[in-house]
N, C-alpha and C. Protein backbone atom coordinates (compact mmCIF):
# COMPACT_ATOMS: atom_id res chain seq x y z
N MET A 1 131.11 -35.90 6.17
CA MET A 1 130.87 -36.83 6.85
C MET A 1 132.06 -37.93 7.09
N ASN A 2 132.04 -37.95 8.32
CA ASN A 2 132.99 -39.06 8.70
C ASN A 2 132.89 -40.31 9.06
N VAL A 3 133.23 -41.40 8.44
CA VAL A 3 133.37 -42.14 8.36
C VAL A 3 133.69 -43.16 10.41
N PRO A 4 132.89 -43.69 10.88
CA PRO A 4 134.14 -44.40 12.07
C PRO A 4 135.01 -45.50 11.96
N SER A 5 135.79 -44.95 13.18
CA SER A 5 137.54 -45.61 13.14
C SER A 5 137.32 -47.34 11.93
N ALA A 6 135.88 -47.77 13.37
CA ALA A 6 135.37 -49.22 13.44
C ALA A 6 135.29 -50.08 12.13
N LEU A 7 134.76 -49.25 10.81
CA LEU A 7 133.77 -49.13 9.50
C LEU A 7 135.23 -49.01 8.46
N ARG A 8 136.61 -48.39 8.86
CA ARG A 8 137.44 -47.63 8.36
C ARG A 8 138.61 -48.90 8.61
N LEU A 9 138.52 -49.85 9.19
CA LEU A 9 139.73 -50.84 9.61
C LEU A 9 139.04 -51.93 8.92
N VAL A 10 137.80 -51.86 9.27
CA VAL A 10 136.67 -53.43 8.47
C VAL A 10 136.92 -53.25 6.88
N VAL A 11 136.85 -51.91 6.32
CA VAL A 11 137.24 -51.97 4.86
C VAL A 11 138.76 -51.49 4.69
N LEU A 12 139.61 -51.09 5.20
CA LEU A 12 140.75 -51.51 5.40
C LEU A 12 141.13 -53.45 5.43
N ALA A 13 140.44 -53.88 5.89
CA ALA A 13 140.91 -55.27 6.36
C ALA A 13 141.00 -55.57 4.73
N PHE A 14 139.57 -56.23 4.21
CA PHE A 14 138.94 -55.94 2.75
C PHE A 14 139.79 -55.65 2.10
N ALA A 15 140.53 -54.85 1.98
CA ALA A 15 141.43 -54.05 0.44
C ALA A 15 142.46 -55.18 0.82
N LEU A 16 142.68 -55.53 1.94
CA LEU A 16 144.68 -56.36 2.53
C LEU A 16 143.83 -57.67 1.99
N LEU A 17 143.18 -58.00 2.45
CA LEU A 17 142.93 -60.00 1.69
C LEU A 17 142.88 -59.83 0.52
N GLY A 18 141.97 -58.88 -0.31
CA GLY A 18 141.71 -59.03 -1.64
C GLY A 18 143.25 -58.44 -2.54
N ALA A 19 143.92 -57.91 -2.01
CA ALA A 19 145.33 -57.88 -2.98
C ALA A 19 145.92 -59.18 -2.08
N ALA A 20 145.80 -59.94 -0.83
CA ALA A 20 146.69 -60.95 -0.70
C ALA A 20 146.41 -62.30 -2.37
N ALA A 21 144.93 -62.03 -2.02
CA ALA A 21 144.58 -63.23 -2.76
C ALA A 21 145.26 -63.40 -4.61
N CYS A 22 145.42 -61.87 -4.57
CA CYS A 22 145.91 -61.54 -6.03
C CYS A 22 147.54 -61.78 -5.93
N GLY A 23 148.13 -61.98 -5.26
CA GLY A 23 150.05 -62.13 -4.71
C GLY A 23 150.10 -63.46 -5.64
N PRO A 24 151.62 -63.77 -5.60
CA PRO A 24 151.79 -64.73 -6.78
C PRO A 24 152.07 -65.91 -6.11
N THR A 25 151.34 -67.16 -6.87
CA THR A 25 150.82 -68.59 -6.78
C THR A 25 152.16 -69.73 -6.90
N VAL A 26 152.76 -70.73 -6.66
CA VAL A 26 153.30 -71.24 -6.87
C VAL A 26 152.79 -71.70 -8.90
N GLY A 27 154.16 -71.43 -9.50
CA GLY A 27 154.24 -71.45 -10.80
C GLY A 27 155.13 -70.10 -11.15
N ASP A 28 154.75 -69.87 -10.58
CA ASP A 28 154.83 -67.96 -11.56
C ASP A 28 156.46 -68.05 -11.28
N ALA A 29 156.88 -66.74 -12.59
CA ALA A 29 158.24 -66.46 -12.91
C ALA A 29 158.57 -65.45 -11.32
N CYS A 30 159.90 -66.06 -11.44
CA CYS A 30 160.65 -65.17 -9.88
C CYS A 30 161.55 -64.20 -10.59
N GLU A 31 162.73 -63.73 -9.43
CA GLU A 31 163.71 -63.51 -9.73
C GLU A 31 163.90 -63.50 -8.62
N THR A 32 163.54 -63.57 -7.46
CA THR A 32 163.63 -63.23 -5.79
C THR A 32 162.98 -64.35 -5.30
N SER A 33 163.22 -64.66 -3.67
CA SER A 33 161.90 -65.63 -3.06
C SER A 33 161.47 -64.18 -2.65
N ALA A 34 161.76 -63.15 -2.42
CA ALA A 34 160.87 -61.59 -2.50
C ALA A 34 159.75 -61.08 -3.12
N ALA A 35 159.97 -62.13 -4.25
CA ALA A 35 158.88 -61.69 -5.49
C ALA A 35 157.43 -62.77 -5.07
N CYS A 36 158.28 -63.81 -4.40
CA CYS A 36 157.08 -65.17 -4.42
C CYS A 36 155.85 -64.92 -3.51
N GLY A 37 156.34 -63.75 -2.34
CA GLY A 37 155.38 -63.72 -1.59
C GLY A 37 155.81 -64.47 0.23
N THR A 38 154.73 -64.72 0.60
CA THR A 38 155.19 -65.65 2.20
C THR A 38 155.03 -66.75 1.45
N GLY A 39 155.97 -67.75 2.40
CA GLY A 39 156.34 -69.16 2.80
C GLY A 39 156.99 -69.68 1.26
N LEU A 40 156.53 -68.89 0.13
CA LEU A 40 157.45 -69.58 -0.74
C LEU A 40 159.23 -69.24 -1.15
N VAL A 41 159.43 -69.93 -1.93
CA VAL A 41 160.76 -69.38 -2.71
C VAL A 41 161.26 -69.66 -3.78
N CYS A 42 161.95 -68.98 -4.15
CA CYS A 42 162.60 -68.90 -6.03
C CYS A 42 163.12 -69.76 -6.57
N ASP A 43 162.51 -70.43 -7.19
CA ASP A 43 163.40 -71.78 -7.50
C ASP A 43 164.47 -71.22 -9.07
N LEU A 44 164.94 -70.28 -9.35
CA LEU A 44 166.36 -70.24 -10.39
C LEU A 44 166.42 -71.08 -11.52
N ALA A 45 166.10 -72.55 -10.68
CA ALA A 45 167.33 -73.15 -12.43
C ALA A 45 165.91 -74.10 -12.95
N THR A 46 165.38 -73.38 -12.64
CA THR A 46 163.79 -72.85 -14.10
C THR A 46 163.97 -71.81 -14.34
N PRO A 47 163.85 -71.52 -15.61
CA PRO A 47 164.85 -70.80 -16.98
C PRO A 47 162.92 -69.38 -16.84
N GLY A 48 163.21 -68.38 -16.17
CA GLY A 48 162.42 -66.84 -15.38
C GLY A 48 162.34 -67.43 -14.17
N GLY A 49 162.94 -69.04 -13.67
CA GLY A 49 162.77 -68.90 -11.76
C GLY A 49 161.17 -69.43 -11.60
N TYR A 50 160.17 -70.33 -10.12
CA TYR A 50 159.80 -70.91 -10.44
C TYR A 50 159.43 -70.34 -8.86
N CYS A 51 158.05 -70.02 -8.67
CA CYS A 51 157.49 -69.94 -6.79
C CYS A 51 157.55 -70.97 -6.74
N THR A 52 158.02 -71.52 -5.39
CA THR A 52 157.41 -72.41 -4.76
C THR A 52 158.33 -72.71 -3.63
N ARG A 53 157.45 -74.22 -3.01
CA ARG A 53 158.12 -74.96 -1.44
C ARG A 53 158.61 -75.70 -1.74
N THR A 54 159.41 -75.75 -0.68
CA THR A 54 160.06 -76.65 -0.33
C THR A 54 160.77 -76.96 0.92
N PRO A 55 161.31 -77.79 1.48
CA PRO A 55 160.61 -79.29 0.84
C PRO A 55 159.24 -79.31 1.54
N CYS A 56 158.29 -80.68 0.66
CA CYS A 56 156.85 -80.36 0.99
C CYS A 56 156.11 -81.58 1.52
N ARG A 57 155.10 -82.03 2.11
CA ARG A 57 154.63 -83.93 1.79
C ARG A 57 153.17 -83.19 1.64
N ALA A 58 152.40 -84.38 1.08
CA ALA A 58 151.39 -84.54 0.73
C ALA A 58 150.42 -83.85 1.99
N GLY A 59 149.28 -83.16 0.79
CA GLY A 59 148.73 -82.19 1.17
C GLY A 59 148.78 -80.42 2.44
N GLU A 60 150.41 -80.70 1.99
CA GLU A 60 151.43 -79.01 2.26
C GLU A 60 150.95 -78.10 0.87
N CYS A 61 151.00 -78.21 0.09
CA CYS A 61 151.16 -76.96 -0.69
C CYS A 61 150.03 -75.93 -1.45
N PRO A 62 150.03 -75.23 -1.42
CA PRO A 62 149.12 -74.66 -1.94
C PRO A 62 147.70 -75.23 -2.58
N ASP A 63 146.54 -74.34 -2.88
CA ASP A 63 145.44 -74.27 -3.80
C ASP A 63 146.26 -74.83 -5.69
N GLU A 64 146.08 -75.55 -5.96
CA GLU A 64 146.24 -75.17 -7.93
C GLU A 64 147.61 -75.85 -8.20
N SER A 65 147.93 -76.75 -6.75
CA SER A 65 149.45 -77.13 -6.77
C SER A 65 149.08 -78.81 -6.54
N VAL A 66 150.66 -79.23 -6.31
CA VAL A 66 151.17 -80.56 -6.03
C VAL A 66 151.79 -80.63 -5.23
N CYS A 67 152.32 -81.63 -4.03
CA CYS A 67 153.69 -81.79 -3.32
C CYS A 67 153.99 -82.85 -4.82
N VAL A 68 154.88 -83.42 -5.01
CA VAL A 68 156.51 -83.64 -6.06
C VAL A 68 157.55 -84.37 -5.53
N ASP A 69 157.81 -85.28 -5.20
CA ASP A 69 159.32 -86.24 -4.97
C ASP A 69 160.25 -86.20 -6.04
N PHE A 70 160.98 -85.39 -5.65
CA PHE A 70 162.05 -85.83 -7.68
C PHE A 70 163.13 -86.45 -6.88
N GLY A 71 163.44 -87.07 -5.54
CA GLY A 71 164.13 -88.24 -5.10
C GLY A 71 165.29 -87.08 -4.38
N ALA A 72 165.94 -88.49 -3.80
CA ALA A 72 167.04 -87.80 -2.87
C ALA A 72 166.46 -86.15 -2.10
N GLU A 73 165.88 -86.44 -1.67
CA GLU A 73 165.25 -85.92 -0.94
C GLU A 73 164.66 -84.43 -0.98
N ALA A 74 164.08 -84.98 -2.18
CA ALA A 74 163.70 -83.17 -3.00
C ALA A 74 162.54 -83.22 -3.41
N SER A 75 161.53 -82.79 -2.57
CA SER A 75 160.04 -82.08 -3.35
C SER A 75 160.17 -80.84 -2.71
N TRP A 76 158.95 -80.54 -4.32
CA TRP A 76 158.53 -79.47 -4.19
C TRP A 76 157.44 -79.11 -4.84
N CYS A 77 156.45 -77.93 -4.52
CA CYS A 77 155.37 -78.38 -4.75
C CYS A 77 155.37 -76.91 -6.45
N MET A 78 154.97 -78.09 -7.43
CA MET A 78 154.38 -77.09 -8.46
C MET A 78 152.73 -77.25 -8.63
N ARG A 79 153.10 -76.28 -9.10
CA ARG A 79 151.44 -76.20 -10.04
C ARG A 79 151.03 -76.84 -10.70
N ARG A 80 150.43 -77.25 -11.09
CA ARG A 80 148.88 -78.61 -11.47
C ARG A 80 148.48 -77.34 -12.53
N CYS A 81 148.23 -78.11 -13.37
CA CYS A 81 147.31 -78.54 -15.09
C CYS A 81 147.41 -79.45 -15.86
N ASP A 82 146.22 -79.24 -16.85
CA ASP A 82 145.21 -79.88 -17.11
C ASP A 82 145.35 -80.04 -19.06
N GLY A 83 146.66 -81.28 -19.01
CA GLY A 83 147.18 -81.29 -20.63
C GLY A 83 147.56 -80.24 -21.27
N GLY A 84 147.46 -79.12 -21.65
CA GLY A 84 148.33 -77.47 -21.94
C GLY A 84 147.73 -76.28 -21.40
N GLU A 85 146.63 -76.78 -20.20
CA GLU A 85 146.40 -75.43 -20.15
C GLU A 85 147.01 -75.39 -18.30
N GLY A 86 147.10 -74.53 -18.40
CA GLY A 86 147.42 -73.48 -17.00
C GLY A 86 149.37 -73.38 -16.54
N CYS A 87 149.52 -73.88 -17.39
CA CYS A 87 151.28 -73.41 -17.81
C CYS A 87 151.59 -72.12 -18.66
N ARG A 88 152.76 -70.52 -17.73
CA ARG A 88 153.46 -70.16 -17.67
C ARG A 88 154.17 -70.31 -19.37
N ASP A 89 154.09 -68.73 -19.82
CA ASP A 89 155.24 -69.54 -21.14
C ASP A 89 156.33 -70.20 -21.31
N GLY A 90 156.66 -70.57 -21.89
CA GLY A 90 158.31 -71.26 -20.77
C GLY A 90 158.41 -73.08 -20.48
N LEU A 91 156.82 -73.30 -20.25
CA LEU A 91 156.72 -73.86 -19.26
C LEU A 91 155.54 -75.19 -20.17
N SER A 92 155.74 -76.66 -19.83
CA SER A 92 154.98 -77.24 -20.39
C SER A 92 154.20 -78.09 -18.96
N CYS A 93 153.08 -78.55 -19.73
CA CYS A 93 152.25 -79.65 -18.42
C CYS A 93 152.89 -80.92 -19.02
N VAL A 94 153.55 -81.48 -17.55
CA VAL A 94 154.06 -82.93 -17.99
C VAL A 94 153.95 -83.76 -16.78
N SER A 95 153.58 -85.30 -17.12
CA SER A 95 153.44 -85.98 -16.54
C SER A 95 155.04 -87.08 -15.40
N PRO A 96 154.62 -86.63 -14.05
CA PRO A 96 155.54 -87.17 -14.03
C PRO A 96 156.85 -88.41 -14.34
N GLU A 97 157.58 -88.67 -14.78
CA GLU A 97 158.41 -89.99 -15.36
C GLU A 97 159.81 -90.27 -14.22
N THR A 98 160.04 -89.31 -13.62
CA THR A 98 160.82 -89.18 -13.19
C THR A 98 160.59 -89.41 -11.60
N ALA A 99 159.41 -88.67 -11.09
CA ALA A 99 159.09 -87.89 -10.00
C ALA A 99 157.16 -88.50 -9.65
N GLU A 100 157.28 -88.66 -8.75
CA GLU A 100 155.91 -89.26 -7.58
C GLU A 100 155.48 -88.14 -7.39
N CYS A 101 153.91 -88.08 -7.49
CA CYS A 101 153.29 -86.85 -6.27
C CYS A 101 153.39 -87.98 -5.45
N LEU A 102 152.35 -86.54 -4.83
CA LEU A 102 152.43 -86.89 -2.70
C LEU A 102 151.27 -87.22 -2.59
N ASP A 103 151.12 -86.30 -2.91
CA ASP A 103 148.89 -86.11 -3.15
C ASP A 103 148.05 -86.95 -4.01
N ASP A 104 147.18 -87.08 -3.51
CA ASP A 104 146.80 -87.87 -4.50
C ASP A 104 145.57 -87.08 -4.90
N VAL A 105 146.41 -87.35 -6.42
CA VAL A 105 145.95 -86.70 -7.98
C VAL A 105 145.69 -87.68 -9.32
N SER A 106 144.32 -87.91 -9.75
CA SER A 106 144.36 -88.85 -9.70
C SER A 106 145.15 -88.25 -11.33
N GLY A 107 145.85 -88.50 -12.19
CA GLY A 107 146.43 -88.19 -13.39
C GLY A 107 147.39 -87.42 -12.93
N CYS A 108 147.75 -87.03 -12.26
CA CYS A 108 149.14 -85.84 -11.89
C CYS A 108 149.63 -85.10 -12.59
N LYS A 109 149.78 -83.83 -12.67
CA LYS A 109 150.41 -83.80 -14.11
C LYS A 109 150.59 -81.85 -13.58
N PHE A 110 151.51 -81.49 -13.77
CA PHE A 110 152.41 -80.32 -13.25
C PHE A 110 153.35 -79.70 -14.73
N CYS A 111 153.56 -78.36 -14.21
CA CYS A 111 153.91 -77.29 -15.13
C CYS A 111 155.31 -77.59 -14.95
N ALA A 112 156.03 -77.47 -15.60
CA ALA A 112 157.57 -77.89 -15.63
C ALA A 112 158.73 -77.19 -17.49
N VAL A 113 159.88 -77.36 -17.10
CA VAL A 113 160.52 -77.19 -17.64
C VAL A 113 159.89 -78.48 -19.14
N PRO A 114 160.33 -78.24 -20.50
CA PRO A 114 159.60 -79.87 -20.91
C PRO A 114 161.35 -80.16 -21.52
């Protein structure tokens, strides 16, 4: 049985969308920016690397992340967390002490080196 070409294209499109949804996100480990996917870079200053977007402004970070201004014109999308939950091994859920969350997030916490 031959599947019409249009149906094959629809199935392929859904498969690609599903694969993209499983791609790298802010806070994932990386060795190169290519490992972070489209729109993100690999910050190698963090042990194991840290997929992020920089610079950022309020409302520009992907879901599950927040824009944090570290001063000296350095702003980064950081993975949001709640208490001890949501960070990969080697990172901790921290509140900004010398940084400012640019997004309107109550009790802003993000994954960073402890």
